[in-house]
Protein backbone atom coordinates (compact mmCIF):
# COMPACT_ATOMS: atom_id res chain seq x y z
CA MET A 1 69.76 102.10 8.10
CA SER A 2 68.09 99.19 9.83
CA PRO A 3 70.31 96.12 10.24
CA ARG A 4 67.46 94.15 8.68
CA VAL A 5 68.32 95.64 5.33
CA ARG A 6 70.42 93.39 3.14
CA ARG A 7 72.01 94.67 0.00
CA LEU A 8 72.63 92.28 -2.83
CA THR A 9 74.07 92.69 -6.31
CA ALA A 10 73.52 90.34 -9.21
CA THR A 11 75.81 90.37 -12.25
CA LEU A 12 74.53 90.03 -15.78
CA GLY A 13 76.14 86.64 -16.18
CA ALA A 14 74.41 85.36 -13.07
CA LEU A 15 71.03 86.83 -13.93
CA PHE A 16 69.21 83.75 -15.12
CA ALA A 17 70.95 81.52 -12.63
CA ALA A 18 69.58 83.84 -9.94
CA CYS A 19 72.90 83.94 -8.18
CA VAL A 20 72.90 86.83 -5.73
CA THR A 21 76.08 87.99 -4.00
CA MET A 22 76.38 90.13 -0.92
CA THR A 23 77.72 93.68 -1.03
CA SER A 24 78.14 96.27 1.68
CA ALA A 25 77.97 99.48 -0.37
CA PHE A 26 75.78 101.16 -2.94
CA PRO A 27 77.09 101.26 -6.51
CA GLY A 28 79.40 104.22 -6.89
CA ALA A 29 80.24 104.13 -10.57
CA ALA A 30 78.08 105.62 -13.29
CA GLU A 31 75.48 103.15 -14.51
CA ALA A 32 74.66 102.29 -18.08
CA SER A 33 71.26 103.22 -19.43
CA PRO A 34 68.51 100.86 -18.24
CA PHE A 35 67.62 100.51 -21.92
CA ASP A 36 70.95 98.69 -22.23
CA GLY A 37 69.61 96.12 -19.78
CA VAL A 38 72.44 96.25 -17.23
CA PRO A 39 71.15 94.69 -13.97
CA ASN A 40 71.80 96.41 -10.68
CA GLY A 41 71.68 95.64 -6.96
CA VAL A 42 68.72 94.57 -4.88
CA THR A 43 67.79 95.80 -1.41
CA SER A 44 65.73 93.32 0.59
CA ILE A 45 64.09 94.32 3.87
CA THR A 46 62.37 91.86 6.18
CA LEU A 47 58.95 93.18 7.22
CA THR A 48 57.90 90.27 9.45
CA ARG A 49 60.29 87.87 11.15
CA ASN A 50 57.87 85.25 12.41
CA SER A 51 54.22 84.26 12.67
CA ALA A 52 53.84 86.42 15.77
CA ASP A 53 54.84 89.49 13.73
CA MET A 54 52.39 88.52 11.04
CA LYS A 55 49.52 88.15 13.51
CA ARG A 56 50.40 91.44 15.20
CA ILE A 57 50.16 93.29 11.88
CA ALA A 58 46.99 91.45 10.92
CA GLY A 59 45.49 92.44 14.25
CA TYR A 60 46.38 96.08 13.63
CA TRP A 61 44.30 96.07 10.44
CA SER A 62 41.06 95.12 12.14
CA PRO A 63 37.79 95.49 10.20
CA VAL A 64 37.20 98.77 12.03
CA ARG A 65 40.62 100.22 11.14
CA LEU A 66 40.31 99.07 7.52
CA LYS A 67 37.04 100.94 7.27
CA GLN A 68 38.67 104.06 8.67
CA ALA A 69 41.64 103.63 6.33
CA GLN A 70 39.42 104.26 3.32
CA ASN A 71 39.71 107.97 4.00
CA ASN A 72 43.44 108.03 4.70
CA THR A 73 45.85 109.98 2.50
CA PRO A 74 47.11 108.05 -0.54
CA ALA A 75 50.89 107.88 -0.79
CA ILE A 76 52.53 110.13 -3.39
CA PRO A 77 56.14 110.65 -4.49
CA GLU A 78 57.99 113.62 -2.98
CA VAL A 79 57.47 116.51 -5.41
CA LYS A 80 58.59 120.10 -4.90
CA PRO A 81 55.69 122.58 -5.06
CA SER A 82 57.46 124.52 -7.78
CA GLU A 83 57.46 121.39 -9.94
CA ALA A 84 53.80 120.53 -9.47
CA GLY A 85 52.78 122.12 -12.74
CA GLU A 86 55.99 121.52 -14.65
CA PRO A 87 55.17 120.30 -18.15
CA ALA A 88 56.85 117.10 -19.23
CA PRO A 89 59.80 117.39 -21.63
CA PRO A 90 59.05 116.33 -25.21
CA PRO A 91 59.26 112.53 -25.51
CA SER A 92 61.82 111.02 -27.83
CA VAL A 93 59.12 108.75 -29.27
CA SER A 94 55.64 110.15 -29.88
CA PRO A 95 53.18 107.64 -31.36
CA THR A 96 49.58 108.84 -31.58
CA PRO A 97 47.59 107.07 -28.84
CA SER A 98 44.67 105.02 -30.13
CA GLY A 99 43.04 104.86 -26.71
CA THR A 100 40.98 107.60 -25.10
CA GLY A 101 43.44 108.29 -22.31
CA LYS A 102 40.51 108.90 -19.96
CA ALA A 103 40.11 107.06 -16.68
CA THR A 104 37.15 104.70 -16.76
CA THR A 105 35.90 101.96 -14.51
CA ALA A 106 37.84 98.76 -15.05
CA ALA A 107 34.66 96.90 -15.92
CA ALA A 108 33.83 99.37 -18.69
CA ALA A 109 37.35 99.21 -20.08
CA ALA A 110 37.23 95.43 -20.12
CA GLY A 111 34.22 95.59 -22.41
CA GLU A 112 36.42 97.04 -25.16
CA GLN A 113 38.57 94.49 -26.95
CA ALA A 114 42.20 95.63 -26.93
CA THR A 115 43.95 96.00 -30.27
CA ALA A 116 47.30 95.31 -28.67
CA THR A 117 49.91 93.00 -30.03
CA THR A 118 50.22 90.19 -27.53
CA ALA A 119 53.54 90.07 -25.73
CA THR A 120 55.86 87.25 -26.69
CA THR A 121 55.17 84.29 -24.46
CA SER A 122 57.68 82.05 -22.75
CA ALA A 123 56.49 79.21 -24.99
CA THR A 124 58.68 80.75 -27.67
CA GLY A 125 61.71 80.50 -25.40
CA ASP A 126 61.86 84.24 -24.72
CA PRO A 127 63.44 84.58 -21.24
CA SER A 128 62.13 88.14 -20.84
CA VAL A 129 58.55 86.96 -20.34
CA ILE A 130 56.89 85.33 -17.33
CA GLU A 131 53.48 83.82 -18.01
CA PRO A 132 50.39 84.92 -16.05
CA THR A 133 48.62 82.36 -13.88
CA ALA A 134 44.94 81.67 -13.19
CA PRO A 135 43.59 81.15 -9.66
CA LYS A 136 43.36 77.57 -8.47
CA LYS A 137 40.37 78.30 -6.31
CA ARG A 138 37.06 79.17 -7.94
CA THR A 139 36.32 81.96 -5.50
CA ALA A 140 37.80 84.49 -7.94
CA ASP A 141 35.41 85.84 -10.54
CA THR A 142 37.96 86.12 -13.34
CA GLY A 143 37.23 88.08 -16.46
CA ALA A 144 36.12 91.69 -16.94
CA VAL A 145 37.82 93.14 -13.85
CA PRO A 146 41.36 92.03 -12.87
CA VAL A 147 40.94 90.79 -9.30
CA THR A 148 44.74 90.59 -9.08
CA VAL A 149 44.67 94.38 -8.61
CA GLY A 150 43.95 95.81 -5.18
CA LYS A 151 45.06 98.20 -2.49
CA VAL A 152 48.03 98.17 -0.13
CA PHE A 153 47.79 99.78 3.31
CA PHE A 154 50.79 100.69 5.47
CA ARG A 155 52.24 103.07 8.06
CA LEU A 156 55.02 105.62 7.56
CA GLY A 157 56.03 108.30 10.04
CA GLY A 158 53.19 107.40 12.39
CA LYS A 159 50.47 107.81 9.74
CA ASP A 160 48.44 105.31 7.72
CA TYR A 161 48.62 105.49 3.92
CA TRP A 162 47.50 103.42 0.95
CA CYS A 163 48.40 102.73 -2.69
CA SER A 164 47.47 100.39 -5.54
CA ALA A 165 49.21 97.12 -6.45
CA SER A 166 48.81 93.76 -8.18
CA SER A 167 49.53 90.10 -7.69
CA VAL A 168 52.22 88.85 -10.10
CA ALA A 169 53.05 85.26 -11.02
CA SER A 170 56.10 83.96 -9.14
CA ALA A 171 57.85 80.87 -7.83
CA ASN A 172 56.56 81.44 -4.29
CA ARG A 173 52.96 82.18 -5.44
CA ASN A 174 52.83 85.06 -2.96
CA LEU A 175 54.22 88.14 -4.71
CA VAL A 176 52.86 91.68 -5.06
CA ALA A 177 54.13 94.35 -7.46
CA THR A 178 53.74 98.03 -6.58
CA ALA A 179 55.63 101.33 -6.68
CA ALA A 180 58.71 101.61 -4.47
CA HIS A 181 57.35 104.79 -2.88
CA CYS A 182 54.37 102.70 -1.73
CA ALA A 183 56.64 100.68 0.54
CA TYR A 184 59.74 102.78 1.23
CA ASP A 185 60.34 106.46 2.05
CA ALA A 186 63.68 107.33 0.45
CA LYS A 187 63.78 110.75 2.11
CA LEU A 188 63.47 109.23 5.59
CA ALA A 189 65.43 106.08 4.63
CA ARG A 190 62.67 104.03 6.18
CA ALA A 191 60.62 101.07 5.05
CA ALA A 192 56.86 101.05 5.52
CA GLU A 193 55.43 99.20 8.50
CA TYR A 194 52.23 97.20 8.90
CA TRP A 195 52.16 96.59 5.14
CA ILE A 196 49.23 94.56 3.77
CA PHE A 197 47.70 93.86 0.35
CA ILE A 198 43.99 93.41 -0.38
CA PRO A 199 43.35 92.07 -3.92
CA GLY A 200 40.02 92.78 -5.58
CA TYR A 201 39.40 95.68 -3.20
CA ASP A 202 36.01 97.30 -3.81
CA ARG A 203 34.63 99.94 -1.46
CA GLY A 204 36.11 98.36 1.64
CA GLU A 205 35.33 94.75 0.80
CA THR A 206 38.09 92.08 1.08
CA PRO A 207 36.60 89.22 -0.97
CA TYR A 208 39.87 87.37 -1.62
CA GLY A 209 41.60 87.87 1.70
CA ILE A 210 44.24 90.08 3.31
CA TYR A 211 47.96 89.39 2.78
CA VAL A 212 50.60 90.64 5.23
CA GLY A 213 53.96 91.68 3.79
CA HIS A 214 56.89 89.40 4.60
CA SER A 215 59.79 91.07 2.76
CA LEU A 216 60.21 94.20 0.67
CA ASN A 217 62.47 93.91 -2.37
CA LEU A 218 63.47 96.94 -4.41
CA HIS A 219 66.31 98.49 -6.36
CA GLU A 220 69.28 99.96 -4.50
CA SER A 221 69.14 103.15 -6.53
CA PHE A 222 65.72 103.99 -5.13
CA VAL A 223 66.87 103.27 -1.59
CA GLY A 224 70.20 105.07 -1.86
CA LYS A 225 69.34 107.97 -4.18
CA GLY A 226 65.55 108.18 -4.37
CA ASP A 227 65.89 107.51 -8.11
CA TYR A 228 62.39 107.23 -9.59
CA ASP A 229 63.73 105.38 -12.62
CA TYR A 230 63.53 102.49 -10.15
CA ASP A 231 60.19 103.30 -8.55
CA TYR A 232 59.05 99.67 -8.40
CA ALA A 233 58.98 97.10 -5.62
CA PHE A 234 58.09 93.43 -5.27
CA VAL A 235 56.76 92.43 -1.88
CA THR A 236 56.67 88.79 -0.80
CA VAL A 237 53.58 88.19 1.34
CA HIS A 238 52.33 85.58 3.76
CA ASP A 239 49.41 83.30 2.95
CA GLY A 240 46.21 85.26 3.28
CA PHE A 241 43.40 85.40 5.79
CA ARG A 242 39.98 86.94 6.12
CA TRP A 243 38.15 88.25 9.13
CA LYS A 244 35.11 86.30 10.27
CA PRO A 245 32.80 87.03 13.22
CA GLY A 246 34.12 85.63 16.51
CA LYS A 247 32.20 83.83 19.22
CA ALA A 248 31.99 86.94 21.39
CA ALA A 249 29.76 89.77 20.27
CA GLY A 250 31.66 92.33 18.19
CA SER A 251 34.79 90.16 17.98
CA TYR A 252 36.59 88.79 14.91
CA GLU A 253 38.76 85.78 14.16
CA MET A 254 41.32 85.12 11.43
CA GLU A 255 40.40 82.47 8.86
CA ALA A 256 43.17 81.17 6.56
CA VAL A 257 42.53 81.42 2.80
CA GLY A 258 45.82 80.15 1.31
CA SER A 259 48.28 81.71 -1.12
CA LEU A 260 47.69 84.84 -3.14
CA GLU A 261 47.94 83.15 -6.54
CA ASP A 262 45.66 80.31 -5.47
CA ASN A 263 42.96 82.89 -4.80
CA VAL A 264 43.35 85.46 -7.59
CA GLY A 265 46.11 84.23 -9.90
CA GLY A 266 49.01 86.44 -10.95
CA GLN A 267 49.75 88.76 -13.85
CA GLY A 268 52.68 87.82 -16.05
CA LEU A 269 55.83 89.91 -16.39
CA ALA A 270 57.58 91.34 -19.45
CA PHE A 271 60.73 93.46 -19.46
CA LYS A 272 63.02 95.05 -22.03
CA ARG A 273 60.03 96.11 -24.11
CA SER A 274 60.26 99.25 -26.23
CA PRO A 275 57.71 102.08 -25.83
CA GLY A 276 54.85 102.39 -28.29
CA ARG A 277 52.93 99.38 -26.94
CA TYR A 278 49.23 99.31 -26.25
CA THR A 279 48.92 99.30 -22.47
CA PHE A 280 46.20 99.08 -19.83
CA ALA A 281 46.89 100.89 -16.54
CA PHE A 282 44.86 100.17 -13.40
CA GLY A 283 44.58 101.79 -10.00
CA TYR A 284 42.50 103.50 -7.34
CA PRO A 285 42.98 107.26 -7.94
CA ALA A 286 41.68 109.46 -5.14
CA ALA A 287 43.51 112.78 -4.74
CA PRO A 288 42.16 115.99 -6.27
CA TYR A 289 43.59 117.72 -9.30
CA LEU A 290 45.74 120.78 -8.85
CA ASP A 291 42.70 122.98 -9.45
CA GLY A 292 40.92 121.42 -6.47
CA THR A 293 38.41 119.30 -8.39
CA LYS A 294 38.15 115.68 -7.26
CA PRO A 295 36.94 113.29 -9.97
CA PHE A 296 37.82 110.08 -8.04
CA ASP A 297 37.05 108.70 -4.60
CA GLY A 298 39.63 105.88 -4.43
CA GLN A 299 37.00 103.25 -3.71
CA GLU A 300 36.58 101.81 -7.21
CA LEU A 301 39.12 100.32 -9.60
CA LYS A 302 39.75 102.57 -12.61
CA SER A 303 41.67 102.05 -15.84
CA CYS A 304 43.28 103.90 -18.73
CA ASP A 305 44.56 102.52 -22.00
CA GLY A 306 46.58 103.68 -24.97
CA LEU A 307 50.04 103.63 -26.51
CA THR A 308 53.09 104.34 -24.35
CA ARG A 309 55.98 106.65 -25.15
CA ARG A 310 59.26 107.60 -23.52
CA GLN A 311 59.25 110.16 -20.72
CA ALA A 312 62.17 112.06 -19.20
CA ALA A 313 62.38 114.59 -16.37
CA PRO A 314 65.94 114.75 -14.96
CA ALA A 315 64.90 117.20 -12.22
CA ARG A 316 62.87 114.37 -10.71
CA LEU A 317 65.48 111.70 -11.45
CA VAL A 318 63.30 110.31 -14.22
CA GLU A 319 65.48 109.73 -17.27
CA TYR A 320 64.10 106.50 -18.71
CA GLY A 321 60.41 106.65 -17.88
CA ILE A 322 57.47 105.45 -19.95
CA ALA A 323 54.38 107.67 -20.26
CA LEU A 324 50.70 107.03 -20.93
CA LYS A 325 47.92 109.52 -21.53
CA CYS A 326 45.70 109.27 -18.44
CA GLY A 327 44.02 111.45 -15.83
CA PHE A 328 44.95 109.36 -12.76
CA THR A 329 45.77 111.11 -9.49
CA ALA A 330 47.50 109.97 -6.28
CA GLY A 331 46.07 106.72 -4.98
CA ALA A 332 46.67 105.00 -8.32
CA SER A 333 50.40 104.81 -7.48
CA GLY A 334 51.68 101.26 -7.73
CA GLY A 335 48.85 100.04 -9.94
CA PRO A 336 49.94 97.75 -12.80
CA TRP A 337 50.61 98.54 -16.45
CA LEU A 338 49.65 95.48 -18.51
CA ILE A 339 50.56 94.72 -22.11
CA GLY A 340 49.14 91.84 -24.12
CA TYR A 341 46.07 92.25 -21.94
CA ASP A 342 43.24 89.77 -22.56
CA THR A 343 39.99 91.49 -21.58
CA ARG A 344 38.19 88.14 -21.29
CA SER A 345 40.53 86.57 -18.75
CA ALA A 346 41.66 89.92 -17.25
CA ARG A 347 45.28 88.79 -17.48
CA GLY A 348 48.30 90.18 -19.25
CA TYR A 349 51.97 91.01 -18.72
CA LEU A 350 53.15 93.50 -16.12
CA ASN A 351 55.34 96.04 -17.90
CA GLY A 352 55.24 98.98 -15.50
CA VAL A 353 53.57 100.54 -12.46
CA ASN A 354 51.95 103.94 -11.90
CA SER A 355 54.60 106.29 -10.55
CA PHE A 356 54.08 110.02 -11.32
CA ALA A 357 51.00 111.97 -12.43
CA TRP A 358 51.71 114.83 -14.85
CA ASP A 359 50.04 118.06 -15.88
CA THR A 360 51.64 118.40 -19.31
CA ASP A 361 49.47 121.25 -20.61
CA VAL A 362 49.62 123.17 -17.32
CA ASP A 363 45.85 123.46 -16.90
CA LYS A 364 46.05 122.22 -13.29
CA ARG A 365 44.57 118.84 -14.23
CA TYR A 366 46.66 115.72 -14.62
CA ASP A 367 46.63 114.27 -18.11
CA GLN A 368 49.51 111.79 -18.10
CA ILE A 369 51.02 109.13 -15.88
CA SER A 370 54.47 107.60 -16.03
CA SER A 371 56.15 104.36 -15.05
CA PRO A 372 59.77 103.37 -14.68
CA TYR A 373 61.08 101.36 -17.62
CA PHE A 374 61.18 97.62 -16.82
CA SER A 375 64.69 96.40 -17.66
CA LEU A 376 66.83 93.41 -16.69
CA SER A 377 67.36 95.21 -13.39
CA THR A 378 63.65 94.87 -12.75
CA TYR A 379 63.86 91.16 -13.43
CA VAL A 380 66.69 90.78 -10.90
CA VAL A 381 64.52 92.31 -8.18
CA TYR A 382 61.49 90.26 -9.24
CA ARG A 383 63.44 86.99 -9.41
CA TYR A 384 64.93 87.42 -5.96
CA ALA A 385 61.60 88.48 -4.44
CA GLY A 386 59.92 85.42 -5.95
CA SER A 387 62.51 83.16 -4.33
CA ARG A 388 61.71 84.40 -0.84
CA ARG A 389 59.18 82.52 1.24
CA ALA A 390 57.35 83.55 4.36
CA ASP A 391 57.92 81.34 7.41
């Protein structure tokens, strides 16, 4: 593995003090259930070492390449063909969803007032909640559509891919939450390269800037075992920029736009929340269904909403997942799951990310998505990622 990778382990007692100690090996002993809230190790990988690296990656994603990237393959988890139509095991908790479970445009979904119970806020002293933040700059059209959500673009194995992601409130004001498989290939033991985030992405437009990844922070169990119970990542990014026409014909120049949160704000974070909560999921689905039909083009933000339930599939190393009725396909991976979502401000509390798409009734059309359960382990990764700052 690259010498840039640093492995860190935080103990439960040091969790809220954010004390991180160095370790040279992956955990070898059996872990307690994530529902027990036992924190685990963090793997942190530096994506850019200096401003020259940042500019090199920014230059790679020129306006021309970004336009071409719209048609690239969205990243998906590694799934065996024989498992593609495997129905999900019965959940241990099965509330009847009150939402439609159908993917709709985010703007249409925002027009329906959620009946969710708002997540406990930090004002009550609950340490398992981080409050969302509003943008400082008035360039963000908040409300209706969450402009915190966007696309990530990156390279793996010599090919360009993309996923969905969201800005999340943090100490460094430059933090993106996505799926781990949208930034790291566990099979190849390789981190993504040329990683960028574009919030508020809409059919190729970059209205709130482009943010180059500085450091990738994820759970050791995903890195070491490809365990999709930990299919989440928090990427610290540099201050953003946008392309503007240069002095020479056909040329472009970088224009600084400031921090991610200043421009679009950040979703809050909630962990150790039981299933059965009303949840909004967002993303840019693009891939076809198993029957070949293609209901999405990946160019417009979509959403699903309903009640969550537990989801398990040991064959895919998913033992503590959370499921939501939804027809998303690949491309939505990494998009946020928000509880306590306020449709007027378009802000809520991140409580999961799109991970797997499921065909539970085996009709060759996806009807369910799942997310890893957000436990104290998730908070450890988030807290460390939020403490990192780009040079």
